[in-house]
C-alpha atoms as a PDB file:
ATOM      1  CA  MET A   1      98.386 113.428  93.720  1.00  0.00           C
ATOM      2  CA  ASN A   2     100.314 114.644  96.727  1.00  0.00           C
ATOM      3  CA  THR A   3     103.938 114.019  97.620  1.00  0.00           C
ATOM      4  CA  THR A   4     105.767 114.735 100.866  1.00  0.00           C
ATOM      5  CA  ARG A   5     109.449 115.086 101.626  1.00  0.00           C
ATOM      6  CA  THR A   6     111.784 113.524 104.147  1.00  0.00           C
ATOM      7  CA  GLY A   7     115.477 113.518 105.055  1.00  0.00           C
ATOM      8  CA  LEU A   8     117.824 116.019 106.650  1.00  0.00           C
ATOM      9  CA  GLY A   9     117.306 118.502 103.813  1.00  0.00           C
ATOM     10  CA  ALA A  10     113.497 118.274 103.839  1.00  0.00           C
ATOM     11  CA  LYS A  11     113.154 121.953 104.773  1.00  0.00           C
ATOM     12  CA  ALA A  12     114.686 122.904 101.413  1.00  0.00           C
ATOM     13  CA  GLY A  13     112.116 121.000  99.336  1.00  0.00           C
ATOM     14  CA  HIS A  14     108.389 121.255  98.754  1.00  0.00           C
ATOM     15  CA  ASP A  15     105.392 119.015  99.347  1.00  0.00           C
ATOM     16  CA  LEU A  16     103.846 118.840  95.893  1.00  0.00           C
ATOM     17  CA  THR A  17     100.351 118.688  94.449  1.00  0.00           C
ATOM     18  CA  ILE A  18     100.445 117.269  90.928  1.00  0.00           C
ATOM     19  CA  GLU A  19      97.368 117.217  88.694  1.00  0.00           C
ATOM     20  CA  VAL A  20      96.705 114.768  85.865  1.00  0.00           C
ATOM     21  CA  THR A  21      95.181 116.990  83.180  1.00  0.00           C
ATOM     22  CA  ARG A  22      94.517 114.316  80.495  1.00  0.00           C
ATOM     23  CA  TRP A  23      92.919 111.047  81.451  1.00  0.00           C
ATOM     24  CA  ARG A  24      89.947 108.907  80.622  1.00  0.00           C
ATOM     25  CA  GLY A  25      87.903 106.553  82.686  1.00  0.00           C
ATOM     26  CA  ASP A  26      84.839 104.409  82.680  1.00  0.00           C
ATOM     27  CA  ALA A  27      82.690 103.336  85.602  1.00  0.00           C
ATOM     28  CA  THR A  28      79.972 100.793  84.912  1.00  0.00           C
ATOM     29  CA  VAL A  29      77.198 100.276  87.441  1.00  0.00           C
ATOM     30  CA  ASP A  30      75.007  97.165  87.398  1.00  0.00           C
ATOM     31  CA  PRO A  31      71.624  98.470  86.199  1.00  0.00           C
ATOM     32  CA  ALA A  32      69.837  95.562  87.912  1.00  0.00           C
ATOM     33  CA  ASP A  33      70.895  96.845  91.346  1.00  0.00           C
ATOM     34  CA  PRO A  34      72.584 100.295  91.249  1.00  0.00           C
ATOM     35  CA  ALA A  35      72.610 100.429  95.072  1.00  0.00           C
ATOM     36  CA  ASP A  36      74.940  97.395  95.235  1.00  0.00           C
ATOM     37  CA  PRO A  37      78.411  98.210  93.853  1.00  0.00           C
ATOM     38  CA  ALA A  38      79.441  94.514  93.572  1.00  0.00           C
ATOM     39  CA  GLY A  39      78.358  94.438  89.913  1.00  0.00           C
ATOM     40  CA  SER A  40      80.298  97.597  89.097  1.00  0.00           C
ATOM     41  CA  SER A  41      83.653  98.049  87.381  1.00  0.00           C
ATOM     42  CA  VAL A  42      86.105 100.905  86.926  1.00  0.00           C
ATOM     43  CA  THR A  43      88.913 101.545  84.449  1.00  0.00           C
ATOM     44  CA  VAL A  44      91.134 104.623  84.305  1.00  0.00           C
ATOM     45  CA  GLU A  45      94.023 105.574  82.038  1.00  0.00           C
ATOM     46  CA  ALA A  46      96.181 108.626  82.830  1.00  0.00           C
ATOM     47  CA  ASP A  47      98.494 110.337  80.327  1.00  0.00           C
ATOM     48  CA  VAL A  48     101.868 110.762  82.061  1.00  0.00           C
ATOM     49  CA  GLU A  49     102.798 113.702  79.801  1.00  0.00           C
ATOM     50  CA  SER A  50      99.816 115.609  81.196  1.00  0.00           C
ATOM     51  CA  PHE A  51     101.086 115.750  84.791  1.00  0.00           C
ATOM     52  CA  GLU A  52     101.280 119.370  85.958  1.00  0.00           C
ATOM     53  CA  VAL A  53     102.815 120.609  89.217  1.00  0.00           C
ATOM     54  CA  ARG A  54     100.044 122.774  90.673  1.00  0.00           C
ATOM     55  CA  GLU A  55     101.324 123.591  94.141  1.00  0.00           C
ATOM     56  CA  GLY A  56     104.443 123.348  96.268  1.00  0.00           C
ATOM     57  CA  THR A  57     104.122 123.994  99.986  1.00  0.00           C
ATOM     58  CA  GLY A  58     106.887 124.331 102.516  1.00  0.00           C
ATOM     59  CA  GLY A  59     110.436 124.847 101.395  1.00  0.00           C
ATOM     60  CA  VAL A  60     112.844 127.681 101.969  1.00  0.00           C
ATOM     61  CA  LYS A  61     111.544 129.679  98.996  1.00  0.00           C
ATOM     62  CA  PRO A  62     108.332 129.580  96.932  1.00  0.00           C
ATOM     63  CA  LEU A  63     108.092 127.149  94.019  1.00  0.00           C
ATOM     64  CA  SER A  64     108.929 129.012  90.787  1.00  0.00           C
ATOM     65  CA  ASP A  65     107.738 128.267  87.246  1.00  0.00           C
ATOM     66  CA  SER A  66     111.260 127.075  86.486  1.00  0.00           C
ATOM     67  CA  ASP A  67     111.063 124.684  89.471  1.00  0.00           C
ATOM     68  CA  ARG A  68     107.724 123.370  88.169  1.00  0.00           C
ATOM     69  CA  ARG A  69     109.180 122.693  84.717  1.00  0.00           C
ATOM     70  CA  GLU A  70     112.228 120.937  86.188  1.00  0.00           C
ATOM     71  CA  ILE A  71     110.080 118.780  88.503  1.00  0.00           C
ATOM     72  CA  LYS A  72     107.841 117.799  85.571  1.00  0.00           C
ATOM     73  CA  LYS A  73     110.875 116.888  83.462  1.00  0.00           C
ATOM     74  CA  ILE A  74     112.386 114.744  86.234  1.00  0.00           C
ATOM     75  CA  LEU A  75     109.022 113.074  86.905  1.00  0.00           C
ATOM     76  CA  GLN A  76     108.475 112.226  83.242  1.00  0.00           C
ATOM     77  CA  GLU A  77     112.013 111.313  82.196  1.00  0.00           C
ATOM     78  CA  LYS A  78     113.728 109.884  85.269  1.00  0.00           C
ATOM     79  CA  ILE A  79     110.932 108.520  87.441  1.00  0.00           C
ATOM     80  CA  LEU A  80     108.030 107.466  85.182  1.00  0.00           C
ATOM     81  CA  HIS A  81     110.019 107.030  81.920  1.00  0.00           C
ATOM     82  CA  VAL A  82     107.259 108.502  79.749  1.00  0.00           C
ATOM     83  CA  GLU A  83     108.971 107.504  76.482  1.00  0.00           C
ATOM     84  CA  ARG A  84     108.525 103.791  77.341  1.00  0.00           C
ATOM     85  CA  HIS A  85     105.452 104.058  79.585  1.00  0.00           C
ATOM     86  CA  PRO A  86     103.191 106.913  78.405  1.00  0.00           C
ATOM     87  CA  THR A  87     100.205 105.878  80.533  1.00  0.00           C
ATOM     88  CA  ILE A  88      99.305 104.714  84.019  1.00  0.00           C
ATOM     89  CA  THR A  89      96.295 102.384  84.107  1.00  0.00           C
ATOM     90  CA  PHE A  90      93.916 101.061  86.747  1.00  0.00           C
ATOM     91  CA  ARG A  91      91.434  98.219  86.254  1.00  0.00           C
ATOM     92  CA  SER A  92      89.102  97.146  89.020  1.00  0.00           C
ATOM     93  CA  THR A  93      88.907  93.507  90.080  1.00  0.00           C
ATOM     94  CA  ARG A  94      86.333  93.904  92.867  1.00  0.00           C
ATOM     95  CA  VAL A  95      83.989  96.631  94.094  1.00  0.00           C
ATOM     96  CA  SER A  96      82.414  96.391  97.552  1.00  0.00           C
ATOM     97  CA  GLY A  97      80.547  98.504 100.111  1.00  0.00           C
ATOM     98  CA  THR A  98      77.559 100.652  99.316  1.00  0.00           C
ATOM     99  CA  ALA A  99      76.870 103.185  96.589  1.00  0.00           C
ATOM    100  CA  GLU A 100      77.567 105.970  99.106  1.00  0.00           C
ATOM    101  CA  SER A 101      80.768 104.481 100.585  1.00  0.00           C
ATOM    102  CA  PHE A 102      82.708 101.981  98.528  1.00  0.00           C
ATOM    103  CA  ARG A 103      86.018 100.207  98.147  1.00  0.00           C
ATOM    104  CA  VAL A 104      87.533  99.392  94.756  1.00  0.00           C
ATOM    105  CA  GLU A 105      90.260  96.787  94.545  1.00  0.00           C
ATOM    106  CA  GLY A 106      92.164  96.579  91.303  1.00  0.00           C
ATOM    107  CA  ASP A 107      95.376  96.379  89.340  1.00  0.00           C
ATOM    108  CA  LEU A 108      97.460  99.524  88.917  1.00  0.00           C
ATOM    109  CA  THR A 109     100.122  99.573  86.206  1.00  0.00           C
ATOM    110  CA  ILE A 110     102.934 102.102  86.555  1.00  0.00           C
ATOM    111  CA  VAL A 111     106.191 101.963  84.511  1.00  0.00           C
ATOM    112  CA  GLY A 112     105.059  98.620  83.097  1.00  0.00           C
ATOM    113  CA  VAL A 113     104.679  96.990  86.536  1.00  0.00           C
ATOM    114  CA  THR A 114     101.244  95.872  87.729  1.00  0.00           C
ATOM    115  CA  ARG A 115     100.407  95.603  91.435  1.00  0.00           C
ATOM    116  CA  PRO A 116      97.150  95.433  93.394  1.00  0.00           C
ATOM    117  CA  VAL A 117      95.848  98.596  95.025  1.00  0.00           C
ATOM    118  CA  THR A 118      92.748  99.560  97.007  1.00  0.00           C
ATOM    119  CA  VAL A 119      90.830 102.788  96.484  1.00  0.00           C
ATOM    120  CA  GLN A 120      88.379 104.141  99.070  1.00  0.00           C
ATOM    121  CA  GLY A 121      85.577 106.348  97.808  1.00  0.00           C
ATOM    122  CA  VAL A 122      82.270 108.020  98.538  1.00  0.00           C
ATOM    123  CA  LEU A 123      79.418 109.167  96.341  1.00  0.00           C
ATOM    124  CA  ALA A 124      77.543 112.318  97.346  1.00  0.00           C
ATOM    125  CA  GLU A 125      75.485 114.889  95.430  1.00  0.00           C
ATOM    126  CA  GLY A 126      76.432 113.570  91.989  1.00  0.00           C
ATOM    127  CA  ARG A 127      80.170 113.548  92.733  1.00  0.00           C
ATOM    128  CA  VAL A 128      82.491 110.703  93.545  1.00  0.00           C
ATOM    129  CA  HIS A 129      85.651 111.348  95.511  1.00  0.00           C
ATOM    130  CA  GLY A 130      88.233 109.338  97.361  1.00  0.00           C
ATOM    131  CA  SER A 131      91.853 108.346  97.546  1.00  0.00           C
ATOM    132  CA  ALA A 132      94.508 105.650  97.611  1.00  0.00           C
ATOM    133  CA  VAL A 133      98.024 105.622  99.004  1.00  0.00           C
ATOM    134  CA  ILE A 134     100.675 104.275  96.643  1.00  0.00           C
ATOM    135  CA  ALA A 135     104.129 103.161  97.823  1.00  0.00           C
ATOM    136  CA  GLN A 136     106.404 103.884  94.844  1.00  0.00           C
ATOM    137  CA  THR A 137     108.852 101.104  95.705  1.00  0.00           C
ATOM    138  CA  ARG A 138     106.141  98.459  95.164  1.00  0.00           C
ATOM    139  CA  TRP A 139     106.327  99.375  91.459  1.00  0.00           C
ATOM    140  CA  GLY A 140     110.126  99.395  91.427  1.00  0.00           C
ATOM    141  CA  ILE A 141     110.301 103.191  91.553  1.00  0.00           C
ATOM    142  CA  ARG A 142     113.047 104.650  93.692  1.00  0.00           C
ATOM    143  CA  PRO A 143     111.697 107.826  95.323  1.00  0.00           C
ATOM    144  CA  TYR A 144     113.436 110.930  94.018  1.00  0.00           C
ATOM    145  CA  SER A 145     116.303 112.295  96.088  1.00  0.00           C
ATOM    146  CA  ALA A 146     118.655 115.275  95.786  1.00  0.00           C
ATOM    147  CA  PHE A 147     121.579 116.871  97.577  1.00  0.00           C
ATOM    148  CA  PHE A 148     123.335 113.520  98.042  1.00  0.00           C
ATOM    149  CA  GLY A 149     120.214 111.946  99.530  1.00  0.00           C
ATOM    150  CA  THR A 150     119.604 114.562 102.223  1.00  0.00           C
ATOM    151  CA  LEU A 151     116.333 115.611 100.499  1.00  0.00           C
ATOM    152  CA  LYS A 152     114.020 112.782  99.457  1.00  0.00           C
ATOM    153  CA  LEU A 153     110.438 112.310  98.449  1.00  0.00           C
ATOM    154  CA  SER A 154     108.592 109.982 100.776  1.00  0.00           C
ATOM    155  CA  ASP A 155     107.892 106.542  99.349  1.00  0.00           C
ATOM    156  CA  GLU A 156     104.147 106.977  99.804  1.00  0.00           C
ATOM    157  CA  VAL A 157     102.192 109.170  97.383  1.00  0.00           C
ATOM    158  CA  GLU A 158      98.542 109.995  98.008  1.00  0.00           C
ATOM    159  CA  VAL A 159      96.343 109.883  94.919  1.00  0.00           C
ATOM    160  CA  ARG A 160      93.060 111.782  95.319  1.00  0.00           C
ATOM    161  CA  PHE A 161      90.130 112.197  92.972  1.00  0.00           C
ATOM    162  CA  ASP A 162      86.971 114.295  92.867  1.00  0.00           C
ATOM    163  CA  LEU A 163      84.768 113.768  89.815  1.00  0.00           C
ATOM    164  CA  GLY A 164      81.324 114.702  88.632  1.00  0.00           C
ATOM    165  CA  LEU A 165      79.288 111.774  87.352  1.00  0.00           C
ATOM    166  CA  THR A 166      77.890 111.826  83.839  1.00  0.00           C
ATOM    167  CA  PRO A 167      75.383 109.157  82.845  1.00  0.00           C
ATOM    168  CA  GLU A 168      75.981 107.350  79.565  1.00  0.00           C
ATOM    169  CA  GLY A 169      73.803 108.931  76.956  1.00  0.00           C
END
């Protein structure tokens, strides 16, 4: 996932790339018509404790390992409340488009709040990739801010995925 910064102090912060390192998912394709995604479904569960800060661009100075640890701690304890909400889940309600270019509508649960979200994706060469934009405030999350509000994370977070497909065996 990618975050961006805003506010008068934005130059001091970093745009972040955060990777979910432990997750599980299931995509079921209708065997009667694999070219039509309407009979498909998707579920994903992400372990909030597995979020790792991979990159920080911009900012006055490079992102240090100490910065990464502090960002992870704030994300888990103050923003996503990992002790009460250890997972983020997505369950599709509708899949449309074609096998090569599809749209998945579903319910995303973050910090115990469930809201609808739409994911755009493409399938090419045995890989599926795509993205969705999530506005944190829709889930009751106040975007992180520092330095008396002069440095803030933007409300919108881009969630991207790039996965190899493995047939059920």
